[in-house]
C-alpha atoms as a PDB file:
ATOM      1  CA  MET A   1     -53.407 -47.286 -68.532  1.00  0.00           C
ATOM      2  CA  GLU A   2     -52.611 -50.192 -70.824  1.00  0.00           C
ATOM      3  CA  PRO A   3     -53.626 -49.827 -74.466  1.00  0.00           C
ATOM      4  CA  PRO A   4     -55.066 -52.912 -76.121  1.00  0.00           C
ATOM      5  CA  LEU A   5     -52.563 -54.988 -78.016  1.00  0.00           C
ATOM      6  CA  GLN A   6     -53.576 -55.705 -81.588  1.00  0.00           C
ATOM      7  CA  THR A   7     -50.536 -57.661 -82.743  1.00  0.00           C
ATOM      8  CA  ALA A   8     -48.399 -60.680 -81.867  1.00  0.00           C
ATOM      9  CA  PHE A   9     -45.023 -62.053 -82.867  1.00  0.00           C
ATOM     10  CA  ASP A  10     -43.520 -65.394 -83.769  1.00  0.00           C
ATOM     11  CA  ALA A  11     -41.129 -66.308 -80.922  1.00  0.00           C
ATOM     12  CA  ASP A  12     -38.772 -67.938 -83.440  1.00  0.00           C
ATOM     13  CA  ASP A  13     -38.587 -64.845 -85.665  1.00  0.00           C
ATOM     14  CA  PRO A  14     -36.916 -61.651 -84.387  1.00  0.00           C
ATOM     15  CA  ARG A  15     -38.240 -59.726 -87.428  1.00  0.00           C
ATOM     16  CA  SER A  16     -41.769 -60.542 -86.354  1.00  0.00           C
ATOM     17  CA  ALA A  17     -41.017 -59.268 -82.828  1.00  0.00           C
ATOM     18  CA  ARG A  18     -39.569 -56.069 -84.270  1.00  0.00           C
ATOM     19  CA  ARG A  19     -42.717 -55.420 -86.332  1.00  0.00           C
ATOM     20  CA  ALA A  20     -45.004 -56.194 -83.383  1.00  0.00           C
ATOM     21  CA  ALA A  21     -43.118 -53.813 -81.090  1.00  0.00           C
ATOM     22  CA  ALA A  22     -43.124 -51.059 -83.729  1.00  0.00           C
ATOM     23  CA  GLN A  23     -46.892 -51.444 -84.060  1.00  0.00           C
ATOM     24  CA  VAL A  24     -47.412 -51.171 -80.288  1.00  0.00           C
ATOM     25  CA  LEU A  25     -45.180 -48.086 -80.049  1.00  0.00           C
ATOM     26  CA  THR A  26     -46.955 -46.461 -82.989  1.00  0.00           C
ATOM     27  CA  ASP A  27     -50.325 -47.236 -81.408  1.00  0.00           C
ATOM     28  CA  TRP A  28     -49.094 -45.587 -78.200  1.00  0.00           C
ATOM     29  CA  GLY A  29     -48.197 -42.442 -80.166  1.00  0.00           C
ATOM     30  CA  LEU A  30     -44.449 -42.739 -79.577  1.00  0.00           C
ATOM     31  CA  GLY A  31     -43.575 -41.964 -83.189  1.00  0.00           C
ATOM     32  CA  PRO A  32     -40.360 -40.035 -82.448  1.00  0.00           C
ATOM     33  CA  VAL A  33     -38.686 -43.099 -80.875  1.00  0.00           C
ATOM     34  CA  VAL A  34     -40.177 -45.903 -82.966  1.00  0.00           C
ATOM     35  CA  ALA A  35     -37.196 -46.257 -85.322  1.00  0.00           C
ATOM     36  CA  ASP A  36     -34.595 -46.412 -82.537  1.00  0.00           C
ATOM     37  CA  ALA A  37     -36.774 -48.640 -80.337  1.00  0.00           C
ATOM     38  CA  GLU A  38     -37.482 -50.943 -83.268  1.00  0.00           C
ATOM     39  CA  LEU A  39     -33.743 -51.369 -83.826  1.00  0.00           C
ATOM     40  CA  VAL A  40     -33.155 -52.037 -80.107  1.00  0.00           C
ATOM     41  CA  VAL A  41     -35.924 -54.668 -80.146  1.00  0.00           C
ATOM     42  CA  ALA A  42     -34.406 -56.204 -83.273  1.00  0.00           C
ATOM     43  CA  GLU A  43     -30.950 -56.471 -81.730  1.00  0.00           C
ATOM     44  CA  LEU A  44     -32.139 -57.797 -78.364  1.00  0.00           C
ATOM     45  CA  THR A  45     -34.493 -60.347 -79.918  1.00  0.00           C
ATOM     46  CA  ALA A  46     -31.829 -61.491 -82.385  1.00  0.00           C
ATOM     47  CA  ASN A  47     -29.425 -62.001 -79.479  1.00  0.00           C
ATOM     48  CA  ALA A  48     -32.104 -63.914 -77.550  1.00  0.00           C
ATOM     49  CA  ALA A  49     -32.928 -66.080 -80.553  1.00  0.00           C
ATOM     50  CA  PHE A  50     -29.358 -66.841 -81.599  1.00  0.00           C
ATOM     51  CA  HIS A  51     -27.413 -66.767 -78.323  1.00  0.00           C
ATOM     52  CA  GLY A  52     -29.989 -67.023 -75.547  1.00  0.00           C
ATOM     53  CA  GLY A  53     -31.822 -70.219 -76.391  1.00  0.00           C
ATOM     54  CA  GLY A  54     -34.869 -68.430 -77.790  1.00  0.00           C
ATOM     55  CA  ILE A  55     -37.127 -65.492 -77.029  1.00  0.00           C
ATOM     56  CA  THR A  56     -39.454 -66.162 -74.091  1.00  0.00           C
ATOM     57  CA  GLY A  57     -41.009 -62.711 -73.834  1.00  0.00           C
ATOM     58  CA  ILE A  58     -40.918 -59.046 -74.697  1.00  0.00           C
ATOM     59  CA  ARG A  59     -42.134 -56.243 -72.461  1.00  0.00           C
ATOM     60  CA  LEU A  60     -42.498 -52.587 -73.429  1.00  0.00           C
ATOM     61  CA  ALA A  61     -43.212 -49.840 -70.901  1.00  0.00           C
ATOM     62  CA  TYR A  62     -42.999 -46.077 -70.818  1.00  0.00           C
ATOM     63  CA  ASP A  63     -43.311 -43.455 -68.136  1.00  0.00           C
ATOM     64  CA  ARG A  64     -41.566 -40.273 -66.997  1.00  0.00           C
ATOM     65  CA  GLY A  65     -39.624 -39.560 -70.144  1.00  0.00           C
ATOM     66  CA  ARG A  66     -38.321 -43.035 -70.844  1.00  0.00           C
ATOM     67  CA  LEU A  67     -39.231 -46.141 -72.796  1.00  0.00           C
ATOM     68  CA  ARG A  68     -38.062 -49.488 -71.436  1.00  0.00           C
ATOM     69  CA  VAL A  69     -37.648 -52.504 -73.712  1.00  0.00           C
ATOM     70  CA  GLU A  70     -37.185 -55.913 -72.075  1.00  0.00           C
ATOM     71  CA  VAL A  71     -36.460 -59.162 -73.882  1.00  0.00           C
ATOM     72  CA  ALA A  72     -36.420 -62.439 -71.962  1.00  0.00           C
ATOM     73  CA  ASP A  73     -34.600 -65.567 -73.096  1.00  0.00           C
ATOM     74  CA  ARG A  74     -33.757 -69.051 -71.822  1.00  0.00           C
ATOM     75  CA  SER A  75     -30.037 -68.605 -71.129  1.00  0.00           C
ATOM     76  CA  PRO A  76     -28.763 -67.662 -67.665  1.00  0.00           C
ATOM     77  CA  ASP A  77     -25.510 -66.367 -69.187  1.00  0.00           C
ATOM     78  CA  ALA A  78     -24.740 -62.649 -69.119  1.00  0.00           C
ATOM     79  CA  PRO A  79     -24.923 -60.925 -72.488  1.00  0.00           C
ATOM     80  CA  ARG A  80     -21.569 -59.894 -73.870  1.00  0.00           C
ATOM     81  CA  SER A  81     -20.341 -57.888 -76.784  1.00  0.00           C
ATOM     82  CA  ALA A  82     -18.427 -59.948 -79.288  1.00  0.00           C
ATOM     83  CA  ALA A  83     -15.663 -58.585 -81.436  1.00  0.00           C
ATOM     84  CA  PRO A  84     -17.283 -57.530 -84.719  1.00  0.00           C
ATOM     85  CA  ALA A  85     -16.791 -60.197 -87.329  1.00  0.00           C
ATOM     86  CA  ALA A  86     -15.857 -59.371 -90.853  1.00  0.00           C
ATOM     87  CA  GLY A  87     -19.186 -58.649 -92.504  1.00  0.00           C
ATOM     88  CA  THR A  88     -22.208 -58.934 -90.255  1.00  0.00           C
ATOM     89  CA  GLY A  89     -22.580 -59.888 -86.635  1.00  0.00           C
ATOM     90  CA  GLY A  90     -21.051 -58.899 -83.329  1.00  0.00           C
ATOM     91  CA  ARG A  91     -22.472 -55.373 -83.258  1.00  0.00           C
ATOM     92  CA  GLY A  92     -25.850 -55.870 -81.547  1.00  0.00           C
ATOM     93  CA  LEU A  93     -25.045 -54.736 -78.016  1.00  0.00           C
ATOM     94  CA  ARG A  94     -22.926 -51.877 -79.334  1.00  0.00           C
ATOM     95  CA  ILE A  95     -25.964 -50.665 -81.286  1.00  0.00           C
ATOM     96  CA  VAL A  96     -28.184 -51.058 -78.208  1.00  0.00           C
ATOM     97  CA  SER A  97     -25.671 -49.093 -76.131  1.00  0.00           C
ATOM     98  CA  ALA A  98     -25.486 -46.303 -78.709  1.00  0.00           C
ATOM     99  CA  LEU A  99     -29.276 -45.925 -78.983  1.00  0.00           C
ATOM    100  CA  SER A 100     -30.206 -46.247 -75.325  1.00  0.00           C
ATOM    101  CA  SER A 101     -29.574 -44.087 -72.292  1.00  0.00           C
ATOM    102  CA  GLU A 102     -28.681 -47.262 -70.425  1.00  0.00           C
ATOM    103  CA  TRP A 103     -29.035 -51.018 -70.726  1.00  0.00           C
ATOM    104  CA  GLY A 104     -28.413 -54.071 -68.584  1.00  0.00           C
ATOM    105  CA  TRP A 105     -29.688 -57.489 -67.666  1.00  0.00           C
ATOM    106  CA  SER A 106     -31.266 -59.354 -64.762  1.00  0.00           C
ATOM    107  CA  PRO A 107     -31.204 -63.093 -64.059  1.00  0.00           C
ATOM    108  CA  ARG A 108     -34.539 -64.884 -63.907  1.00  0.00           C
ATOM    109  CA  ASN A 109     -35.525 -68.336 -62.661  1.00  0.00           C
ATOM    110  CA  ARG A 110     -35.289 -69.734 -66.171  1.00  0.00           C
ATOM    111  CA  GLY A 111     -32.962 -67.485 -68.133  1.00  0.00           C
ATOM    112  CA  LYS A 112     -32.578 -63.731 -68.056  1.00  0.00           C
ATOM    113  CA  VAL A 113     -34.065 -60.425 -69.158  1.00  0.00           C
ATOM    114  CA  VAL A 114     -31.961 -57.982 -71.141  1.00  0.00           C
ATOM    115  CA  TRP A 115     -33.324 -54.436 -71.025  1.00  0.00           C
ATOM    116  CA  ALA A 116     -32.639 -51.057 -72.549  1.00  0.00           C
ATOM    117  CA  GLU A 117     -34.077 -47.623 -71.805  1.00  0.00           C
ATOM    118  CA  LEU A 118     -34.543 -44.912 -74.415  1.00  0.00           C
ATOM    119  CA  ALA A 119     -35.259 -41.264 -73.665  1.00  0.00           C
ATOM    120  CA  LEU A 120     -38.645 -39.992 -74.804  1.00  0.00           C
ATOM    121  CA  PRO A 121     -39.169 -36.477 -76.103  1.00  0.00           C
ATOM    122  CA  ALA A 122     -40.492 -33.958 -73.586  1.00  0.00           C
ATOM    123  CA  PRO A 123     -44.270 -34.213 -73.252  1.00  0.00           C
ATOM    124  CA  ASP A 124     -46.562 -31.657 -74.797  1.00  0.00           C
ATOM    125  CA  PRO A 125     -47.130 -28.746 -72.359  1.00  0.00           C
ATOM    126  CA  ASP A 126     -50.886 -29.348 -72.663  1.00  0.00           C
ATOM    127  CA  PRO A 127     -51.612 -32.276 -70.299  1.00  0.00           C
ATOM    128  CA  GLY A 128     -54.621 -33.205 -72.404  1.00  0.00           C
ATOM    129  CA  LEU A 129     -52.301 -33.945 -75.324  1.00  0.00           C
ATOM    130  CA  GLY A 130     -49.427 -35.557 -73.411  1.00  0.00           C
ATOM    131  CA  ILE A 131     -48.338 -39.170 -73.330  1.00  0.00           C
ATOM    132  CA  SER A 132     -49.769 -41.270 -70.523  1.00  0.00           C
ATOM    133  CA  PRO A 133     -47.777 -44.129 -68.979  1.00  0.00           C
ATOM    134  CA  ALA A 134     -48.349 -47.605 -70.373  1.00  0.00           C
ATOM    135  CA  THR A 135     -46.983 -51.116 -70.090  1.00  0.00           C
ATOM    136  CA  THR A 136     -47.641 -54.183 -72.161  1.00  0.00           C
ATOM    137  CA  ALA A 137     -46.189 -57.563 -72.789  1.00  0.00           C
ATOM    138  CA  VAL A 138     -45.970 -58.367 -76.474  1.00  0.00           C
ATOM    139  CA  PRO A 139     -47.335 -61.916 -76.677  1.00  0.00           C
ATOM    140  CA  SER A 140     -45.927 -64.443 -79.049  1.00  0.00           C
ATOM    141  CA  ALA A 141     -48.269 -65.833 -81.673  1.00  0.00           C
ATOM    142  CA  ALA A 142     -48.394 -69.069 -79.667  1.00  0.00           C
ATOM    143  CA  GLU A 143     -49.843 -67.136 -76.702  1.00  0.00           C
ATOM    144  CA  GLN A 144     -52.657 -65.601 -78.762  1.00  0.00           C
ATOM    145  CA  PRO A 145     -56.092 -67.187 -78.433  1.00  0.00           C
ATOM    146  CA  ALA A 146     -57.238 -69.143 -81.447  1.00  0.00           C
ATOM    147  CA  ARG A 147     -59.394 -67.106 -83.799  1.00  0.00           C
ATOM    148  CA  ARG A 148     -62.479 -68.563 -85.378  1.00  0.00           C
END
């Protein structure tokens, strides 16, 4: 089951992607992981924007006790942790690693996808109240149909 997507993000703005993903996760009823997932999305989209040639897509999916966040970019280069600079920067993949059960990357025809998986809380024992699996791509604002 795929819930309808009511939001979009600006592919040039990682903050916009973070807000869009948080909205989708909230709409899915995944409140307990929204804060951590939002931070993972923020770090992966910032890396894609600043080191990967730009964000080309975001995919969110959950099933069987896990949430998967995927961020695609234009660079074929493997992501790598940089030594933390004085001040800000260089901590993104360390944050992703700390918040996720695992993370990695896969090459694509034009770039790569960096992904992270976060554990979801155990489902409610009442199947009528549990979380059902879902997948969605978070479209960029440019991919949204024009509104009249």
